C-alpha atoms as a PDB file:
ATOM      1  CA  UNK A   1      16.947   2.687  -4.687  1.00  0.00           C
ATOM      2  CA  UNK A   2      15.962   6.184  -3.537  1.00  0.00           C
ATOM      3  CA  UNK A   3      15.413   6.734   0.153  1.00  0.00           C
ATOM      4  CA  UNK A   4      11.811   7.144   1.349  1.00  0.00           C
ATOM      5  CA  UNK A   5      10.543  10.699   1.758  1.00  0.00           C
ATOM      6  CA  UNK A   6      10.892  12.383   5.124  1.00  0.00           C
ATOM      7  CA  UNK A   7       7.623  12.419   7.037  1.00  0.00           C
ATOM      8  CA  UNK A   8       6.636  14.308  10.139  1.00  0.00           C
ATOM      9  CA  UNK A   9       3.609  14.936  12.273  1.00  0.00           C
ATOM     10  CA  UNK A  10       3.512  17.828  14.706  1.00  0.00           C
ATOM     11  CA  UNK A  11       0.730  18.684  17.125  1.00  0.00           C
ATOM     12  CA  UNK A  12       1.014  21.993  18.965  1.00  0.00           C
ATOM     13  CA  UNK A  13      -1.246  23.203  21.760  1.00  0.00           C
ATOM     14  CA  UNK A  14      -4.012  20.736  20.919  1.00  0.00           C
ATOM     15  CA  UNK A  15      -6.960  21.147  23.293  1.00  0.00           C
ATOM     16  CA  UNK A  16     -10.423  19.641  23.249  1.00  0.00           C
ATOM     17  CA  UNK A  17     -13.358  19.839  25.631  1.00  0.00           C
ATOM     18  CA  UNK A  18     -16.371  17.546  25.735  1.00  0.00           C
ATOM     19  CA  UNK A  19     -18.998  19.570  27.535  1.00  0.00           C
ATOM     20  CA  UNK A  20     -17.567  20.606  30.886  1.00  0.00           C
ATOM     21  CA  UNK A  21     -14.772  18.002  30.679  1.00  0.00           C
ATOM     22  CA  UNK A  22     -11.360  18.885  29.288  1.00  0.00           C
ATOM     23  CA  UNK A  23     -10.182  15.820  27.366  1.00  0.00           C
ATOM     24  CA  UNK A  24      -6.989  17.255  25.852  1.00  0.00           C
ATOM     25  CA  UNK A  25      -5.172  20.237  27.310  1.00  0.00           C
ATOM     26  CA  UNK A  26      -2.412  21.912  25.287  1.00  0.00           C
ATOM     27  CA  UNK A  27      -0.952  18.669  23.922  1.00  0.00           C
ATOM     28  CA  UNK A  28       2.336  18.937  22.027  1.00  0.00           C
ATOM     29  CA  UNK A  29       3.672  15.971  20.052  1.00  0.00           C
ATOM     30  CA  UNK A  30       6.305  15.526  17.366  1.00  0.00           C
ATOM     31  CA  UNK A  31       6.833  12.354  15.372  1.00  0.00           C
ATOM     32  CA  UNK A  32       9.377  12.014  12.570  1.00  0.00           C
ATOM     33  CA  UNK A  33      10.339   9.338  10.065  1.00  0.00           C
ATOM     34  CA  UNK A  34      11.587   6.269  11.909  1.00  0.00           C
ATOM     35  CA  UNK A  35      10.094   7.237  15.276  1.00  0.00           C
ATOM     36  CA  UNK A  36       8.042   4.709  17.189  1.00  0.00           C
ATOM     37  CA  UNK A  37       5.628   6.115  19.715  1.00  0.00           C
ATOM     38  CA  UNK A  38       3.581   4.354  22.364  1.00  0.00           C
ATOM     39  CA  UNK A  39       0.532   6.071  23.781  1.00  0.00           C
ATOM     40  CA  UNK A  40      -0.159   4.568  27.187  1.00  0.00           C
ATOM     41  CA  UNK A  41      -2.561   5.526  29.947  1.00  0.00           C
ATOM     42  CA  UNK A  42      -5.616   4.435  31.876  1.00  0.00           C
ATOM     43  CA  UNK A  43      -9.040   4.191  30.279  1.00  0.00           C
ATOM     44  CA  UNK A  44     -10.829   7.454  29.674  1.00  0.00           C
ATOM     45  CA  UNK A  45      -7.885   9.867  29.657  1.00  0.00           C
ATOM     46  CA  UNK A  46      -8.089  10.831  25.954  1.00  0.00           C
ATOM     47  CA  UNK A  47      -5.744   8.452  24.115  1.00  0.00           C
ATOM     48  CA  UNK A  48      -8.269   7.533  21.416  1.00  0.00           C
ATOM     49  CA  UNK A  49      -9.442  11.145  21.204  1.00  0.00           C
ATOM     50  CA  UNK A  50      -5.873  12.340  20.616  1.00  0.00           C
ATOM     51  CA  UNK A  51      -5.388   9.728  17.885  1.00  0.00           C
ATOM     52  CA  UNK A  52      -8.665  10.821  16.268  1.00  0.00           C
ATOM     53  CA  UNK A  53      -7.457  14.441  16.287  1.00  0.00           C
ATOM     54  CA  UNK A  54      -4.109  13.415  14.746  1.00  0.00           C
ATOM     55  CA  UNK A  55      -5.954  11.467  12.034  1.00  0.00           C
ATOM     56  CA  UNK A  56      -8.194  14.459  11.277  1.00  0.00           C
ATOM     57  CA  UNK A  57     -11.425  12.797  12.414  1.00  0.00           C
ATOM     58  CA  UNK A  58     -11.945  15.350  15.189  1.00  0.00           C
ATOM     59  CA  UNK A  59     -11.145  19.057  14.921  1.00  0.00           C
ATOM     60  CA  UNK A  60      -9.597  20.324  18.167  1.00  0.00           C
ATOM     61  CA  UNK A  61     -10.979  23.364  19.966  1.00  0.00           C
ATOM     62  CA  UNK A  62      -7.489  24.880  19.918  1.00  0.00           C
ATOM     63  CA  UNK A  63      -4.077  24.073  18.502  1.00  0.00           C
ATOM     64  CA  UNK A  64      -2.825  22.671  15.223  1.00  0.00           C
ATOM     65  CA  UNK A  65      -1.836  19.380  13.661  1.00  0.00           C
ATOM     66  CA  UNK A  66       0.559  19.515  10.729  1.00  0.00           C
ATOM     67  CA  UNK A  67       1.615  16.580   8.572  1.00  0.00           C
ATOM     68  CA  UNK A  68       4.544  16.827   6.181  1.00  0.00           C
ATOM     69  CA  UNK A  69       4.287  16.280   3.302  1.00  0.00           C
ATOM     70  CA  UNK A  70       0.672  17.451   3.134  1.00  0.00           C
ATOM     71  CA  UNK A  71      -0.176  14.447   0.943  1.00  0.00           C
ATOM     72  CA  UNK A  72       0.712  12.027   3.775  1.00  0.00           C
ATOM     73  CA  UNK A  73      -2.179  10.242   5.439  1.00  0.00           C
ATOM     74  CA  UNK A  74      -2.708   9.369   9.091  1.00  0.00           C
ATOM     75  CA  UNK A  75      -5.079   6.442   9.448  1.00  0.00           C
ATOM     76  CA  UNK A  76      -6.929   5.456  12.592  1.00  0.00           C
ATOM     77  CA  UNK A  77      -8.410   1.983  12.854  1.00  0.00           C
ATOM     78  CA  UNK A  78     -11.448   1.892  15.105  1.00  0.00           C
ATOM     79  CA  UNK A  79     -11.183  -0.303  18.155  1.00  0.00           C
ATOM     80  CA  UNK A  80     -12.680  -3.755  17.938  1.00  0.00           C
ATOM     81  CA  UNK A  81     -12.600  -6.724  20.269  1.00  0.00           C
ATOM     82  CA  UNK A  82      -9.586  -8.989  19.790  1.00  0.00           C
ATOM     83  CA  UNK A  83     -10.182 -12.221  17.923  1.00  0.00           C
ATOM     84  CA  UNK A  84      -8.414 -15.245  19.356  1.00  0.00           C
ATOM     85  CA  UNK A  85      -8.004 -16.759  15.869  1.00  0.00           C
ATOM     86  CA  UNK A  86      -6.011 -13.815  14.500  1.00  0.00           C
ATOM     87  CA  UNK A  87      -2.536 -12.413  15.121  1.00  0.00           C
ATOM     88  CA  UNK A  88      -2.016  -8.689  15.567  1.00  0.00           C
ATOM     89  CA  UNK A  89      -0.248  -8.510  12.211  1.00  0.00           C
ATOM     90  CA  UNK A  90      -3.132 -10.314  10.472  1.00  0.00           C
ATOM     91  CA  UNK A  91      -5.677  -8.000  12.114  1.00  0.00           C
ATOM     92  CA  UNK A  92      -3.825  -4.893  10.905  1.00  0.00           C
ATOM     93  CA  UNK A  93      -3.520  -6.345   7.381  1.00  0.00           C
ATOM     94  CA  UNK A  94      -7.237  -7.111   7.310  1.00  0.00           C
ATOM     95  CA  UNK A  95      -8.392  -3.819   8.808  1.00  0.00           C
ATOM     96  CA  UNK A  96      -6.112  -1.611   6.692  1.00  0.00           C
ATOM     97  CA  UNK A  97      -6.973  -3.275   3.390  1.00  0.00           C
ATOM     98  CA  UNK A  98      -3.504  -4.751   2.921  1.00  0.00           C
ATOM     99  CA  UNK A  99      -4.828  -8.336   3.121  1.00  0.00           C
ATOM    100  CA  UNK A 100      -7.374  -7.700   0.352  1.00  0.00           C
ATOM    101  CA  UNK A 101      -4.773  -5.998  -1.840  1.00  0.00           C
ATOM    102  CA  UNK A 102      -2.364  -8.901  -1.283  1.00  0.00           C
ATOM    103  CA  UNK A 103      -5.076 -11.417  -2.234  1.00  0.00           C
ATOM    104  CA  UNK A 104      -5.786  -9.435  -5.446  1.00  0.00           C
ATOM    105  CA  UNK A 105      -2.069  -9.331  -6.261  1.00  0.00           C
ATOM    106  CA  UNK A 106      -1.699 -13.062  -5.623  1.00  0.00           C
ATOM    107  CA  UNK A 107      -4.683 -13.807  -7.889  1.00  0.00           C
ATOM    108  CA  UNK A 108      -3.331 -11.602 -10.670  1.00  0.00           C
ATOM    109  CA  UNK A 109       0.108 -13.213 -10.367  1.00  0.00           C
ATOM    110  CA  UNK A 110      -1.421 -16.687 -10.569  1.00  0.00           C
ATOM    111  CA  UNK A 111      -3.455 -15.678 -13.629  1.00  0.00           C
ATOM    112  CA  UNK A 112      -0.310 -14.479 -15.386  1.00  0.00           C
ATOM    113  CA  UNK A 113       1.624 -17.677 -14.612  1.00  0.00           C
END
């Protein structure tokens, strides 16, 4: 089985102002295949804004975000209140479309059987 392609995300000098407030100031970030990154900080310091910039939803005032290969996709799931009846894994599957795709696959498999 071939190995998965090498992926990388690099943000350099990313800055963003909201009115008179600087939300992101010259942020640099590198993430490569196999990396796990936690983004931690108090409310209101720009974590969600940075993720939106990395996903291409917000264009920064300065700096660049590069994803390799260019066909790779960064997806940002909007925040929603936690549901007590759902695990984190189930929530991600539902919100990303994986759960629906799995249900379609299961139905097609059953129809073929």
